[in-house]
Amino acid sequence: MSDIFICYSSNDRGIALKLKKIFVNRGWTVFIDQDIVTGKRFHKEIERELAEARAVVVLWSKTSKESDYVLDEATEGKKRGILVPAVIENIKPPYGFRRIQTANLADWDGSSQDGELGDRLLPSLSRLLDQDKESSEYATIPTAAAAISGFGCVVRPPLFE
């Protein structure tokens, strides 16, 4: 299982590999399709990695927004609430993804702190991937309604003590 699944068009592999290196340097495990071992069934590996990923980073470009594979992978991340999108060209994300806040990496210089990579994408991934740590700070109190619906009431610590 990887922390991050990167979905992208094969035309954008260079950018995906640069981002993978930055993410790995931050201590996260990353999967891209290039990691599939020779002899393995491509679709099964993709499906397994996508199902187990804790975050899905989609790189939107002219070619990726036309790719059924990228759209399917991004849709899965969106359904699970773990999609972290970025545009890597000056384009609009595809229909169905335009209401999701998206990092703009169209002018990214390749460094880990440049523009929206350092200001938006990396902090968003940190919040998502460190959620396990944060969730231990809160207690979930079961209620009668929660027992029926399957949801609980989250009690946050007081702002001022």
Foldseek 3Di string as FASTA:
>chain_A
DWQEEEDEDPVCVVVVVLVCVLCVVVVTGYDYLVPDDPPDDSVVVVVVCLVPYLAYEYEDDPVLLVDPVSVVSQVSRVVVVRYAYEYQAPDQRDPPCRVPDYFYNVVPPSDCCPDCNNVPRVVVSCCSSCVVVVCVQWDWDADPVCVVVVGTDIDHDDPPD
